[in-house]
Amino acid sequence: MPVYEYRCTACGAPSEELRPMAQSNADPGPCPACGGRRRRAFGRVGVRFEGWGFSRTDALVSEDRPRKDFKALRERAEQLRDG
């Protein structure tokens, strides 16, 4: 069973619950801190798919793009700035 994170809309208190996936959209009930309404909170989640059915498609820089030496570029920019 997954752990779902909730945040109170009134006081902002976070809470977590272990719930079956079938009940993931069910009402989480009142906030344990203040009794206000809670909503499901979504945080950053890193997902990595591996195996023969997946390919690397989310790279920031393509593999065929030539790499640049950023240290040399910074030094050259500093030389031009200092003049």
PDB file of N, CA and C in Angstrom:
ATOM      1  N   MET A   1       0.840  -1.188   0.000  1.00  0.00           N
ATOM      2  CA  MET A   1       0.000   0.000   0.000  1.00  0.00           C
ATOM      3  C   MET A   1       0.881   1.245   0.000  1.00  0.00           C
ATOM      4  N   PRO A   2       0.524   2.227  -0.820  1.00  0.00           N
ATOM      5  CA  PRO A   2       1.299   3.464  -0.878  1.00  0.00           C
ATOM      6  C   PRO A   2       0.967   4.413   0.268  1.00  0.00           C
ATOM      7  N   VAL A   3       1.897   5.305   0.525  1.00  0.00           N
ATOM      8  CA  VAL A   3       1.714   6.352   1.520  1.00  0.00           C
ATOM      9  C   VAL A   3       1.326   7.619   0.775  1.00  0.00           C
ATOM     10  N   TYR A   4       0.214   8.224   1.176  1.00  0.00           N
ATOM     11  CA  TYR A   4      -0.258   9.460   0.557  1.00  0.00           C
ATOM     12  C   TYR A   4      -0.028  10.614   1.516  1.00  0.00           C
ATOM     13  N   GLU A   5       0.369  11.751   0.954  1.00  0.00           N
ATOM     14  CA  GLU A   5       0.632  12.939   1.755  1.00  0.00           C
ATOM     15  C   GLU A   5      -0.526  13.919   1.580  1.00  0.00           C
ATOM     16  N   TYR A   6      -0.988  14.465   2.693  1.00  0.00           N
ATOM     17  CA  TYR A   6      -2.087  15.425   2.693  1.00  0.00           C
ATOM     18  C   TYR A   6      -1.639  16.698   3.399  1.00  0.00           C
ATOM     19  N   ARG A   7      -2.290  17.830   3.041  1.00  0.00           N
ATOM     20  CA  ARG A   7      -2.003  19.114   3.681  1.00  0.00           C
ATOM     21  C   ARG A   7      -3.343  19.787   3.981  1.00  0.00           C
ATOM     22  N   CYS A   8      -3.445  20.331   5.182  1.00  0.00           N
ATOM     23  CA  CYS A   8      -4.670  21.001   5.614  1.00  0.00           C
ATOM     24  C   CYS A   8      -4.799  22.336   4.889  1.00  0.00           C
ATOM     25  N   THR A   9      -5.994  22.627   4.402  1.00  0.00           N
ATOM     26  CA  THR A   9      -6.217  23.902   3.710  1.00  0.00           C
ATOM     27  C   THR A   9      -6.348  25.066   4.687  1.00  0.00           C
ATOM     28  N   ALA A  10      -6.662  24.785   5.946  1.00  0.00           N
ATOM     29  CA  ALA A  10      -6.830  25.847   6.939  1.00  0.00           C
ATOM     30  C   ALA A  10      -5.509  26.207   7.616  1.00  0.00           C
ATOM     31  N   CYS A  11      -4.830  25.210   8.180  1.00  0.00           N
ATOM     32  CA  CYS A  11      -3.607  25.502   8.949  1.00  0.00           C
ATOM     33  C   CYS A  11      -2.324  25.110   8.227  1.00  0.00           C
ATOM     34  N   GLY A  12      -2.416  24.337   7.144  1.00  0.00           N
ATOM     35  CA  GLY A  12      -1.239  23.949   6.376  1.00  0.00           C
ATOM     36  C   GLY A  12      -0.458  22.798   6.971  1.00  0.00           C
ATOM     37  N   ALA A  13      -0.994  22.130   7.976  1.00  0.00           N
ATOM     38  CA  ALA A  13      -0.285  21.019   8.624  1.00  0.00           C
ATOM     39  C   ALA A  13      -0.216  19.819   7.689  1.00  0.00           C
ATOM     40  N   PRO A  14       0.992  19.262   7.497  1.00  0.00           N
ATOM     41  CA  PRO A  14       1.109  18.073   6.651  1.00  0.00           C
ATOM     42  C   PRO A  14       0.787  16.809   7.440  1.00  0.00           C
ATOM     43  N   SER A  15       0.312  15.801   6.741  1.00  0.00           N
ATOM     44  CA  SER A  15       0.071  14.499   7.354  1.00  0.00           C
ATOM     45  C   SER A  15       0.193  13.431   6.281  1.00  0.00           C
ATOM     46  N   GLU A  16       0.484  12.214   6.706  1.00  0.00           N
ATOM     47  CA  GLU A  16       0.638  11.091   5.791  1.00  0.00           C
ATOM     48  C   GLU A  16      -0.272   9.965   6.236  1.00  0.00           C
ATOM     49  N   GLU A  17      -0.756   9.201   5.253  1.00  0.00           N
ATOM     50  CA  GLU A  17      -1.607   8.054   5.546  1.00  0.00           C
ATOM     51  C   GLU A  17      -1.245   6.912   4.627  1.00  0.00           C
ATOM     52  N   LEU A  18      -1.281   5.729   5.167  1.00  0.00           N
ATOM     53  CA  LEU A  18      -1.084   4.506   4.403  1.00  0.00           C
ATOM     54  C   LEU A  18      -2.464   4.043   3.973  1.00  0.00           C
ATOM     55  N   ARG A  19      -2.736   4.100   2.650  1.00  0.00           N
ATOM     56  CA  ARG A  19      -4.071   3.779   2.146  1.00  0.00           C
ATOM     57  C   ARG A  19      -3.967   2.854   0.945  1.00  0.00           C
ATOM     58  N   PRO A  20      -4.972   2.005   0.742  1.00  0.00           N
ATOM     59  CA  PRO A  20      -5.006   1.197  -0.480  1.00  0.00           C
ATOM     60  C   PRO A  20      -5.177   2.090  -1.706  1.00  0.00           C
ATOM     61  N   MET A  21      -4.659   1.659  -2.835  1.00  0.00           N
ATOM     62  CA  MET A  21      -4.753   2.466  -4.054  1.00  0.00           C
ATOM     63  C   MET A  21      -6.203   2.690  -4.467  1.00  0.00           C
ATOM     64  N   ALA A  22      -7.077   1.760  -4.154  1.00  0.00           N
ATOM     65  CA  ALA A  22      -8.486   1.911  -4.508  1.00  0.00           C
ATOM     66  C   ALA A  22      -9.126   3.087  -3.763  1.00  0.00           C
ATOM     67  N   GLN A  23      -8.573   3.482  -2.637  1.00  0.00           N
ATOM     68  CA  GLN A  23      -9.117   4.581  -1.845  1.00  0.00           C
ATOM     69  C   GLN A  23      -8.294   5.856  -1.975  1.00  0.00           C
ATOM     70  N   SER A  24      -7.464   5.943  -3.001  1.00  0.00           N
ATOM     71  CA  SER A  24      -6.579   7.106  -3.129  1.00  0.00           C
ATOM     72  C   SER A  24      -7.345   8.398  -3.356  1.00  0.00           C
ATOM     73  N   ASN A  25      -8.517   8.334  -3.993  1.00  0.00           N
ATOM     74  CA  ASN A  25      -9.311   9.544  -4.251  1.00  0.00           C
ATOM     75  C   ASN A  25     -10.412   9.756  -3.222  1.00  0.00           C
ATOM     76  N   ALA A  26     -10.501   8.892  -2.224  1.00  0.00           N
ATOM     77  CA  ALA A  26     -11.536   9.027  -1.197  1.00  0.00           C
ATOM     78  C   ALA A  26     -11.221  10.214  -0.285  1.00  0.00           C
ATOM     79  N   ASP A  27     -12.234  10.715   0.382  1.00  0.00           N
ATOM     80  CA  ASP A  27     -12.077  11.842   1.301  1.00  0.00           C
ATOM     81  C   ASP A  27     -11.125  11.444   2.437  1.00  0.00           C
ATOM     82  N   PRO A  28     -10.065  12.220   2.669  1.00  0.00           N
ATOM     83  CA  PRO A  28      -9.104  11.850   3.707  1.00  0.00           C
ATOM     84  C   PRO A  28      -9.575  12.143   5.121  1.00  0.00           C
ATOM     85  N   GLY A  29     -10.678  12.834   5.272  1.00  0.00           N
ATOM     86  CA  GLY A  29     -11.171  13.153   6.613  1.00  0.00           C
ATOM     87  C   GLY A  29     -10.616  14.469   7.113  1.00  0.00           C
ATOM     88  N   PRO A  30     -10.968  14.828   8.345  1.00  0.00           N
ATOM     89  CA  PRO A  30     -10.536  16.128   8.878  1.00  0.00           C
ATOM     90  C   PRO A  30      -9.063  16.125   9.293  1.00  0.00           C
ATOM     91  N   CYS A  31      -8.514  17.328   9.385  1.00  0.00           N
ATOM     92  CA  CYS A  31      -7.130  17.516   9.820  1.00  0.00           C
ATOM     93  C   CYS A  31      -7.003  17.110  11.284  1.00  0.00           C
ATOM     94  N   PRO A  32      -5.989  16.302  11.636  1.00  0.00           N
ATOM     95  CA  PRO A  32      -5.820  15.926  13.034  1.00  0.00           C
ATOM     96  C   PRO A  32      -5.412  17.099  13.933  1.00  0.00           C
ATOM     97  N   ALA A  33      -4.833  18.155  13.352  1.00  0.00           N
ATOM     98  CA  ALA A  33      -4.369  19.291  14.152  1.00  0.00           C
ATOM     99  C   ALA A  33      -5.493  20.285  14.454  1.00  0.00           C
ATOM    100  N   CYS A  34      -6.287  20.648  13.416  1.00  0.00           N
ATOM    101  CA  CYS A  34      -7.290  21.693  13.625  1.00  0.00           C
ATOM    102  C   CYS A  34      -8.701  21.280  13.225  1.00  0.00           C
ATOM    103  N   GLY A  35      -8.864  20.146  12.580  1.00  0.00           N
ATOM    104  CA  GLY A  35     -10.185  19.698  12.153  1.00  0.00           C
ATOM    105  C   GLY A  35     -10.616  20.259  10.816  1.00  0.00           C
ATOM    106  N   GLY A  36      -9.709  20.977  10.125  1.00  0.00           N
ATOM    107  CA  GLY A  36     -10.026  21.565   8.819  1.00  0.00           C
ATOM    108  C   GLY A  36     -10.012  20.525   7.714  1.00  0.00           C
ATOM    109  N   ARG A  37     -10.299  20.989   6.515  1.00  0.00           N
ATOM    110  CA  ARG A  37     -10.334  20.113   5.342  1.00  0.00           C
ATOM    111  C   ARG A  37      -8.914  19.846   4.845  1.00  0.00           C
ATOM    112  N   ARG A  38      -8.636  18.583   4.495  1.00  0.00           N
ATOM    113  CA  ARG A  38      -7.317  18.220   3.965  1.00  0.00           C
ATOM    114  C   ARG A  38      -7.417  17.931   2.471  1.00  0.00           C
ATOM    115  N   ARG A  39      -6.343  18.265   1.762  1.00  0.00           N
ATOM    116  CA  ARG A  39      -6.222  17.968   0.340  1.00  0.00           C
ATOM    117  C   ARG A  39      -4.944  17.183   0.115  1.00  0.00           C
ATOM    118  N   ARG A  40      -4.948  16.391  -0.923  1.00  0.00           N
ATOM    119  CA  ARG A  40      -3.768  15.598  -1.244  1.00  0.00           C
ATOM    120  C   ARG A  40      -2.672  16.511  -1.762  1.00  0.00           C
ATOM    121  N   ALA A  41      -1.463  16.327  -1.247  1.00  0.00           N
ATOM    122  CA  ALA A  41      -0.314  17.132  -1.646  1.00  0.00           C
ATOM    123  C   ALA A  41       0.552  16.306  -2.581  1.00  0.00           C
ATOM    124  N   PHE A  42       1.029  16.931  -3.615  1.00  0.00           N
ATOM    125  CA  PHE A  42       1.895  16.262  -4.569  1.00  0.00           C
ATOM    126  C   PHE A  42       3.264  16.909  -4.508  1.00  0.00           C
ATOM    127  N   GLY A  43       4.262  16.127  -4.202  1.00  0.00           N
ATOM    128  CA  GLY A  43       5.625  16.632  -4.152  1.00  0.00           C
ATOM    129  C   GLY A  43       6.387  16.195  -5.387  1.00  0.00           C
ATOM    130  N   ARG A  44       7.639  16.530  -5.431  1.00  0.00           N
ATOM    131  CA  ARG A  44       8.480  16.092  -6.537  1.00  0.00           C
ATOM    132  C   ARG A  44       8.745  14.607  -6.424  1.00  0.00           C
ATOM    133  N   VAL A  45       8.610  13.954  -7.530  1.00  0.00           N
ATOM    134  CA  VAL A  45       8.838  12.526  -7.563  1.00  0.00           C
ATOM    135  C   VAL A  45       9.731  12.229  -8.753  1.00  0.00           C
ATOM    136  N   GLY A  46      10.842  11.597  -8.498  1.00  0.00           N
ATOM    137  CA  GLY A  46      11.723  11.190  -9.578  1.00  0.00           C
ATOM    138  C   GLY A  46      11.412   9.765  -9.989  1.00  0.00           C
ATOM    139  N   VAL A  47      11.128   9.586 -11.246  1.00  0.00           N
ATOM    140  CA  VAL A  47      10.805   8.263 -11.757  1.00  0.00           C
ATOM    141  C   VAL A  47      11.806   7.921 -12.837  1.00  0.00           C
ATOM    142  N   ARG A  48      12.331   6.740 -12.747  1.00  0.00           N
ATOM    143  CA  ARG A  48      13.277   6.287 -13.756  1.00  0.00           C
ATOM    144  C   ARG A  48      12.814   4.940 -14.279  1.00  0.00           C
ATOM    145  N   PHE A  49      12.559   4.888 -15.579  1.00  0.00           N
ATOM    146  CA  PHE A  49      12.129   3.656 -16.209  1.00  0.00           C
ATOM    147  C   PHE A  49      13.340   2.992 -16.851  1.00  0.00           C
ATOM    148  N   GLU A  50      13.536   1.733 -16.547  1.00  0.00           N
ATOM    149  CA  GLU A  50      14.649   0.991 -17.107  1.00  0.00           C
ATOM    150  C   GLU A  50      14.141  -0.312 -17.697  1.00  0.00           C
ATOM    151  N   GLY A  51      14.891  -0.814 -18.626  1.00  0.00           N
ATOM    152  CA  GLY A  51      14.538  -2.096 -19.214  1.00  0.00           C
ATOM    153  C   GLY A  51      14.492  -2.009 -20.723  1.00  0.00           C
ATOM    154  N   TRP A  52      14.178  -3.106 -21.355  1.00  0.00           N
ATOM    155  CA  TRP A  52      14.214  -3.158 -22.818  1.00  0.00           C
ATOM    156  C   TRP A  52      13.086  -2.359 -23.456  1.00  0.00           C
ATOM    157  N   GLY A  53      12.022  -2.048 -22.748  1.00  0.00           N
ATOM    158  CA  GLY A  53      10.896  -1.332 -23.325  1.00  0.00           C
ATOM    159  C   GLY A  53      10.990   0.176 -23.228  1.00  0.00           C
ATOM    160  N   PHE A  54      12.035   0.693 -22.610  1.00  0.00           N
ATOM    161  CA  PHE A  54      12.147   2.128 -22.398  1.00  0.00           C
ATOM    162  C   PHE A  54      13.459   2.637 -22.975  1.00  0.00           C
ATOM    163  N   SER A  55      13.446   3.894 -23.400  1.00  0.00           N
ATOM    164  CA  SER A  55      14.666   4.512 -23.900  1.00  0.00           C
ATOM    165  C   SER A  55      14.877   5.824 -23.169  1.00  0.00           C
ATOM    166  N   ARG A  56      16.057   6.342 -23.252  1.00  0.00           N
ATOM    167  CA  ARG A  56      16.387   7.593 -22.580  1.00  0.00           C
ATOM    168  C   ARG A  56      15.917   8.749 -23.448  1.00  0.00           C
ATOM    169  N   THR A  57      14.841   9.398 -23.023  1.00  0.00           N
ATOM    170  CA  THR A  57      14.280  10.484 -23.828  1.00  0.00           C
ATOM    171  C   THR A  57      14.251  11.805 -23.082  1.00  0.00           C
ATOM    172  N   ASP A  58      14.647  11.830 -21.822  1.00  0.00           N
ATOM    173  CA  ASP A  58      14.523  13.050 -21.046  1.00  0.00           C
ATOM    174  C   ASP A  58      15.870  13.685 -20.727  1.00  0.00           C
ATOM    175  N   ALA A  59      16.868  13.435 -21.540  1.00  0.00           N
ATOM    176  CA  ALA A  59      18.187  14.016 -21.307  1.00  0.00           C
ATOM    177  C   ALA A  59      18.145  15.519 -21.575  1.00  0.00           C
ATOM    178  N   LEU A  60      18.868  16.281 -20.775  1.00  0.00           N
ATOM    179  CA  LEU A  60      18.911  17.720 -20.976  1.00  0.00           C
ATOM    180  C   LEU A  60      19.714  18.094 -22.212  1.00  0.00           C
ATOM    181  N   VAL A  61      20.759  17.339 -22.493  1.00  0.00           N
ATOM    182  CA  VAL A  61      21.601  17.579 -23.656  1.00  0.00           C
ATOM    183  C   VAL A  61      21.673  16.276 -24.432  1.00  0.00           C
ATOM    184  N   SER A  62      21.417  16.344 -25.715  1.00  0.00           N
ATOM    185  CA  SER A  62      21.461  15.127 -26.515  1.00  0.00           C
ATOM    186  C   SER A  62      22.886  14.596 -26.584  1.00  0.00           C
ATOM    187  N   GLU A  63      23.006  13.315 -26.788  1.00  0.00           N
ATOM    188  CA  GLU A  63      24.327  12.669 -26.814  1.00  0.00           C
ATOM    189  C   GLU A  63      25.144  13.072 -28.035  1.00  0.00           C
ATOM    190  N   ASP A  64      24.489  13.422 -29.143  1.00  0.00           N
ATOM    191  CA  ASP A  64      25.229  13.779 -30.354  1.00  0.00           C
ATOM    192  C   ASP A  64      25.644  15.249 -30.386  1.00  0.00           C
ATOM    193  N   ARG A  65      25.205  16.039 -29.428  1.00  0.00           N
ATOM    194  CA  ARG A  65      25.589  17.449 -29.356  1.00  0.00           C
ATOM    195  C   ARG A  65      27.021  17.548 -28.838  1.00  0.00           C
ATOM    196  N   PRO A  66      27.847  18.338 -29.494  1.00  0.00           N
ATOM    197  CA  PRO A  66      29.236  18.448 -29.026  1.00  0.00           C
ATOM    198  C   PRO A  66      29.304  19.110 -27.658  1.00  0.00           C
ATOM    199  N   ARG A  67      30.155  18.577 -26.805  1.00  0.00           N
ATOM    200  CA  ARG A  67      30.333  19.122 -25.455  1.00  0.00           C
ATOM    201  C   ARG A  67      31.225  20.352 -25.507  1.00  0.00           C
ATOM    202  N   LYS A  68      30.923  21.325 -24.673  1.00  0.00           N
ATOM    203  CA  LYS A  68      31.729  22.540 -24.622  1.00  0.00           C
ATOM    204  C   LYS A  68      32.500  22.565 -23.312  1.00  0.00           C
ATOM    205  N   ASP A  69      33.673  23.149 -23.370  1.00  0.00           N
ATOM    206  CA  ASP A  69      34.493  23.306 -22.181  1.00  0.00           C
ATOM    207  C   ASP A  69      34.085  24.628 -21.524  1.00  0.00           C
ATOM    208  N   PHE A  70      33.199  24.538 -20.528  1.00  0.00           N
ATOM    209  CA  PHE A  70      32.656  25.750 -19.921  1.00  0.00           C
ATOM    210  C   PHE A  70      33.700  26.501 -19.110  1.00  0.00           C
ATOM    211  N   LYS A  71      34.697  25.817 -18.594  1.00  0.00           N
ATOM    212  CA  LYS A  71      35.755  26.505 -17.866  1.00  0.00           C
ATOM    213  C   LYS A  71      36.539  27.412 -18.819  1.00  0.00           C
ATOM    214  N   ALA A  72      36.861  26.913 -19.995  1.00  0.00           N
ATOM    215  CA  ALA A  72      37.575  27.716 -20.988  1.00  0.00           C
ATOM    216  C   ALA A  72      36.700  28.877 -21.474  1.00  0.00           C
ATOM    217  N   LEU A  73      35.415  28.637 -21.643  1.00  0.00           N
ATOM    218  CA  LEU A  73      34.520  29.712 -22.061  1.00  0.00           C
ATOM    219  C   LEU A  73      34.437  30.805 -21.004  1.00  0.00           C
ATOM    220  N   ARG A  74      34.379  30.425 -19.721  1.00  0.00           N
ATOM    221  CA  ARG A  74      34.328  31.416 -18.651  1.00  0.00           C
ATOM    222  C   ARG A  74      35.625  32.223 -18.605  1.00  0.00           C
ATOM    223  N   GLU A  75      36.761  31.551 -18.757  1.00  0.00           N
ATOM    224  CA  GLU A  75      38.044  32.262 -18.745  1.00  0.00           C
ATOM    225  C   GLU A  75      38.129  33.243 -19.901  1.00  0.00           C
ATOM    226  N   ARG A  76      37.659  32.838 -21.067  1.00  0.00           N
ATOM    227  CA  ARG A  76      37.674  33.716 -22.247  1.00  0.00           C
ATOM    228  C   ARG A  76      36.752  34.920 -22.014  1.00  0.00           C
ATOM    229  N   ALA A  77      35.589  34.695 -21.410  1.00  0.00           N
ATOM    230  CA  ALA A  77      34.664  35.798 -21.122  1.00  0.00           C
ATOM    231  C   ALA A  77      35.287  36.776 -20.125  1.00  0.00           C
ATOM    232  N   GLU A  78      36.016  36.270 -19.144  1.00  0.00           N
ATOM    233  CA  GLU A  78      36.675  37.136 -18.174  1.00  0.00           C
ATOM    234  C   GLU A  78      37.780  37.944 -18.845  1.00  0.00           C
ATOM    235  N   GLN A  79      38.518  37.334 -19.787  1.00  0.00           N
ATOM    236  CA  GLN A  79      39.555  38.061 -20.514  1.00  0.00           C
ATOM    237  C   GLN A  79      38.949  39.194 -21.334  1.00  0.00           C
ATOM    238  N   LEU A  80      37.823  38.897 -21.982  1.00  0.00           N
ATOM    239  CA  LEU A  80      37.174  39.938 -22.798  1.00  0.00           C
ATOM    240  C   LEU A  80      36.619  41.053 -21.939  1.00  0.00           C
ATOM    241  N   ARG A  81      36.106  40.696 -20.775  1.00  0.00           N
ATOM    242  CA  ARG A  81      35.555  41.690 -19.867  1.00  0.00           C
ATOM    243  C   ARG A  81      36.656  42.606 -19.336  1.00  0.00           C
ATOM    244  N   ASP A  82      37.791  42.009 -18.956  1.00  0.00           N
ATOM    245  CA  ASP A  82      38.888  42.798 -18.383  1.00  0.00           C
ATOM    246  C   ASP A  82      39.606  43.606 -19.472  1.00  0.00           C
ATOM    247  N   GLY A  83      39.465  43.204 -20.681  1.00  0.00           N
ATOM    248  CA  GLY A  83      39.879  43.936 -21.793  1.00  0.00           C
ATOM    249  C   GLY A  83      41.203  44.184 -22.215  1.00  0.00           C
TER     250      GLY A  83
END
